[in-house]
Amino acid sequence: MSPAKDNEKVPARRRVPQQVRSRDRVERILEVAAELVVDKGVEGVTTRAIAAGADLPVASLYQYFADKEAVLLALVERDIAEMDAQIEVDLASLTVLSVRSMVETTMRAFVKVYHRRPSFVVIWFRGRTNVAVQEFVRAHNRRMARDLFQIARSAGMVVEGSDGLYAELAVEVADRVFQLAFETSLTGDPHLIDEGIALVTAYLETHATPAGIAGVPVR
């Protein structure tokens, strides 16, 4: 499920590297920043610490990122791209499409990436002080809700006349569930996650057709 293209403006890094060496340098900066975020928290990270960990002069870091906030945004962009890819793979493996299977598959795909990318958990679920990150994630949530809604509607799972607003609400509820589940643990509270899946499923099933509840075989 690739995010739909629209006119929502997304902040970008100062310079997109073209050469392999530069791309490797940026990736190293991001990896070091991710480690520091998990170790020290968002507030404890500085550009000097990131540069030192990446074995670079601070001036070199500023060639790619305007400040620490831009580095954090780049981390979130990277991790959300990985989430989208995971969701696409996992949804494609379903043999029966239903509200329940779509919700569980999507939410558990996110959890897989949260486990691989704990820095996202710290940046998004425990901080949310970066305005650019907030705008980016909110825009992504809206696009994802629209994409999932279109998949469900194409499969005949959506009640006639639905506008998809409830899909956006469901995504925001899921986001809040994850925030609670990962509040004190980088691995998340499995019981809270299970309950969140049940909660979102029950809500969306009130807007589903009988086929959306029973399931539609995937051709």
Protein backbone atom coordinates (compact mmCIF):
# COMPACT_ATOMS: atom_id res chain seq x y z
CA MET A 1 0.00 0.00 0.00
CA SER A 2 1.85 3.03 -1.21
CA PRO A 3 0.75 6.42 0.16
CA ALA A 4 -1.32 8.38 -2.32
CA LYS A 5 0.23 11.43 -3.92
CA ASP A 6 -1.40 14.71 -2.98
CA ASN A 7 -0.63 18.37 -2.47
CA GLU A 8 0.24 18.18 1.22
CA LYS A 9 3.59 19.83 1.75
CA VAL A 10 6.20 17.71 3.50
CA PRO A 11 9.32 19.35 4.95
CA ALA A 12 12.52 18.02 3.42
CA ARG A 13 16.16 17.69 4.43
CA ARG A 14 18.47 20.53 3.40
CA ARG A 15 20.18 18.54 0.65
CA VAL A 16 19.41 15.17 -0.88
CA PRO A 17 22.71 13.35 -1.46
CA GLN A 18 23.31 11.98 -4.94
CA GLN A 19 26.66 10.23 -4.58
CA VAL A 20 27.00 6.85 -2.89
CA ARG A 21 29.52 8.21 -0.39
CA SER A 22 27.17 11.01 0.61
CA ARG A 23 24.20 8.66 0.93
CA ASP A 24 26.26 6.38 3.13
CA ARG A 25 27.25 9.36 5.27
CA VAL A 26 23.62 10.41 5.69
CA GLU A 27 22.64 6.86 6.61
CA ARG A 28 25.39 6.78 9.21
CA ILE A 29 24.16 10.08 10.65
CA LEU A 30 20.66 8.65 10.91
CA GLU A 31 21.83 5.42 12.54
CA VAL A 32 23.86 7.31 15.14
CA ALA A 33 20.96 9.69 15.80
CA ALA A 34 18.61 6.73 16.25
CA GLU A 35 20.94 5.14 18.78
CA LEU A 36 21.25 8.41 20.70
CA VAL A 37 17.49 8.95 20.73
CA VAL A 38 16.92 5.53 22.29
CA ASP A 39 19.80 5.99 24.76
CA LYS A 40 19.27 9.61 25.80
CA GLY A 41 15.77 10.55 24.69
CA VAL A 42 14.91 13.27 22.18
CA GLU A 43 15.87 16.13 24.48
CA GLY A 44 19.28 14.62 25.20
CA VAL A 45 20.33 14.51 21.54
CA THR A 46 22.44 17.29 20.00
CA THR A 47 23.92 17.79 16.57
CA ARG A 48 27.39 17.77 18.12
CA ALA A 49 26.73 14.36 19.69
CA ILE A 50 25.38 13.01 16.40
CA ALA A 51 28.37 14.34 14.46
CA ALA A 52 30.81 12.93 17.01
CA GLY A 53 29.14 9.52 16.90
CA ALA A 54 29.26 9.53 13.11
CA ASP A 55 32.90 10.64 13.19
CA LEU A 56 32.13 13.82 11.26
CA PRO A 57 32.72 17.53 11.81
CA VAL A 58 29.51 19.31 12.78
CA ALA A 59 29.87 21.40 9.62
CA SER A 60 29.60 18.23 7.53
CA LEU A 61 26.36 17.26 9.24
CA TYR A 62 24.94 20.70 8.42
CA GLN A 63 25.55 20.01 4.74
CA TYR A 64 22.66 17.55 4.92
CA PHE A 65 20.52 18.67 7.86
CA ALA A 66 19.64 22.17 8.99
CA ASP A 67 19.46 21.18 12.68
CA LYS A 68 18.60 18.36 15.07
CA GLU A 69 14.91 18.66 14.28
CA ALA A 70 15.64 17.97 10.60
CA VAL A 71 17.53 14.81 11.57
CA LEU A 72 14.59 13.62 13.66
CA LEU A 73 12.22 14.27 10.76
CA ALA A 74 14.47 12.28 8.43
CA LEU A 75 14.41 9.37 10.87
CA VAL A 76 10.62 9.44 10.97
CA GLU A 77 10.41 9.65 7.16
CA ARG A 78 12.67 6.62 6.85
CA ASP A 79 10.78 4.57 9.42
CA ILE A 80 7.34 5.37 8.04
CA ALA A 81 8.49 4.36 4.56
CA GLU A 82 9.50 1.03 6.10
CA MET A 83 6.07 0.75 7.75
CA ASP A 84 4.30 1.35 4.44
CA ALA A 85 6.42 -1.37 2.81
CA GLN A 86 5.67 -3.81 5.65
CA ILE A 87 1.93 -3.15 5.43
CA GLU A 88 1.96 -3.67 1.68
CA VAL A 89 3.76 -7.01 2.00
CA ASP A 90 1.55 -8.25 4.84
CA LEU A 91 -1.75 -7.23 3.22
CA ALA A 92 -0.67 -8.91 -0.01
CA SER A 93 -0.27 -12.19 1.87
CA LEU A 94 -3.92 -12.29 3.00
CA THR A 95 -6.17 -14.92 1.45
CA VAL A 96 -9.36 -13.44 2.92
CA LEU A 97 -9.98 -9.70 3.14
CA SER A 98 -12.21 -8.50 5.97
CA VAL A 99 -12.36 -5.58 8.34
CA ARG A 100 -10.82 -7.75 11.04
CA SER A 101 -8.00 -9.10 8.86
CA MET A 102 -7.16 -5.64 7.50
CA VAL A 103 -7.08 -4.03 10.95
CA GLU A 104 -5.05 -6.79 12.58
CA THR A 105 -2.61 -7.08 9.68
CA THR A 106 -2.06 -3.33 9.46
CA MET A 107 -1.64 -2.74 13.18
CA ARG A 108 0.68 -5.71 13.65
CA ALA A 109 2.75 -4.56 10.66
CA PHE A 110 3.32 -1.30 12.49
CA VAL A 111 4.36 -3.16 15.62
CA LYS A 112 6.92 -5.16 13.64
CA VAL A 113 8.58 -1.93 12.50
CA TYR A 114 8.36 -0.33 15.95
CA HIS A 115 10.37 -3.28 17.24
CA ARG A 116 12.98 -2.82 14.50
CA ARG A 117 13.01 0.98 14.81
CA PRO A 118 12.72 1.86 18.52
CA SER A 119 13.85 5.42 17.83
CA PHE A 120 10.47 6.03 16.16
CA VAL A 121 8.74 4.94 19.35
CA VAL A 122 10.74 7.48 21.33
CA ILE A 123 10.37 10.34 18.84
CA TRP A 124 6.67 9.93 18.09
CA PHE A 125 5.03 8.27 21.07
CA ARG A 126 7.02 9.94 23.85
CA GLY A 127 7.84 13.35 22.48
CA ARG A 128 5.85 14.92 19.66
CA THR A 129 7.66 18.23 20.22
CA ASN A 130 8.84 18.49 16.62
CA VAL A 131 6.20 20.38 14.62
CA ALA A 132 7.49 19.11 11.28
CA VAL A 133 7.32 15.51 12.52
CA GLN A 134 3.76 16.05 13.75
CA GLU A 135 2.69 17.46 10.40
CA PHE A 136 4.39 14.67 8.47
CA VAL A 137 2.90 11.84 10.55
CA ARG A 138 -0.59 13.37 10.54
CA ALA A 139 -0.45 13.76 6.76
CA HIS A 140 0.73 10.17 6.43
CA ASN A 141 -2.09 8.94 8.66
CA ARG A 142 -4.64 10.68 6.46
CA ARG A 143 -3.14 9.22 3.29
CA MET A 144 -2.98 5.75 4.81
CA ALA A 145 -6.62 5.95 5.91
CA ARG A 146 -7.65 6.91 2.39
CA ASP A 147 -5.59 4.09 0.87
CA LEU A 148 -7.07 1.46 3.21
CA PHE A 149 -10.57 2.83 2.67
CA GLN A 150 -10.14 2.48 -1.10
CA ILE A 151 -8.96 -1.10 -0.73
CA ALA A 152 -12.00 -1.93 1.41
CA ARG A 153 -14.42 -0.14 -0.90
CA SER A 154 -13.00 -1.90 -3.99
CA ALA A 155 -13.59 -5.23 -2.24
CA GLY A 156 -17.24 -4.38 -1.52
CA MET A 157 -16.64 -4.09 2.21
CA VAL A 158 -17.83 -0.50 2.66
CA VAL A 159 -21.42 0.64 3.21
CA GLU A 160 -22.80 2.65 0.30
CA GLY A 161 -22.41 6.41 0.73
CA SER A 162 -19.52 6.21 3.22
CA ASP A 163 -17.07 9.10 2.91
CA GLY A 164 -14.10 7.52 4.66
CA LEU A 165 -14.06 9.89 7.64
CA TYR A 166 -14.44 6.93 9.96
CA ALA A 167 -11.29 5.41 8.43
CA GLU A 168 -9.31 8.49 9.46
CA LEU A 169 -10.79 8.31 12.95
CA ALA A 170 -9.85 4.64 13.19
CA VAL A 171 -6.24 5.38 12.25
CA GLU A 172 -6.04 8.11 14.88
CA VAL A 173 -7.50 5.79 17.52
CA ALA A 174 -4.95 3.13 16.59
CA ASP A 175 -2.19 5.73 16.90
CA ARG A 176 -3.36 6.60 20.41
CA VAL A 177 -3.51 2.92 21.34
CA PHE A 178 0.10 2.51 20.26
CA GLN A 179 1.10 5.58 22.24
CA LEU A 180 -0.35 4.01 25.38
CA ALA A 181 1.07 0.56 24.62
CA PHE A 182 4.60 1.87 24.08
CA GLU A 183 4.54 4.53 26.77
CA THR A 184 6.91 2.72 29.11
CA SER A 185 8.21 -0.14 26.95
CA LEU A 186 10.02 -0.22 23.64
CA THR A 187 8.42 -3.59 22.91
CA GLY A 188 4.90 -2.46 23.73
CA ASP A 189 2.21 -3.92 25.98
CA PRO A 190 0.81 -6.91 24.02
CA HIS A 191 -2.48 -6.87 25.93
CA LEU A 192 -3.07 -3.20 25.09
CA ILE A 193 -2.23 -3.87 21.46
CA ASP A 194 -4.66 -6.80 21.32
CA GLU A 195 -7.39 -4.71 22.94
CA GLY A 196 -6.67 -1.86 20.54
CA ILE A 197 -7.07 -4.18 17.55
CA ALA A 198 -10.40 -5.39 18.95
CA LEU A 199 -11.53 -1.80 19.59
CA VAL A 200 -10.70 -0.52 16.10
CA THR A 201 -12.18 -3.63 14.47
CA ALA A 202 -15.47 -3.30 16.36
CA TYR A 203 -15.78 0.37 15.38
CA LEU A 204 -15.06 -0.20 11.70
CA GLU A 205 -17.41 -3.18 11.51
CA THR A 206 -20.30 -0.82 12.31
CA HIS A 207 -19.60 0.79 8.91
CA ALA A 208 -18.98 -2.45 7.01
CA THR A 209 -21.14 -4.50 4.69
CA PRO A 210 -21.89 -8.15 5.56
CA ALA A 211 -19.06 -9.08 3.17
CA GLY A 212 -16.70 -6.83 5.10
CA ILE A 213 -17.51 -8.69 8.29
CA ALA A 214 -17.62 -12.22 6.88
CA GLY A 215 -14.65 -11.72 4.59
CA VAL A 216 -13.97 -11.63 0.86
CA PRO A 217 -11.64 -14.19 -0.75
CA VAL A 218 -8.64 -12.55 -2.35
CA ARG A 219 -8.31 -13.47 -6.00
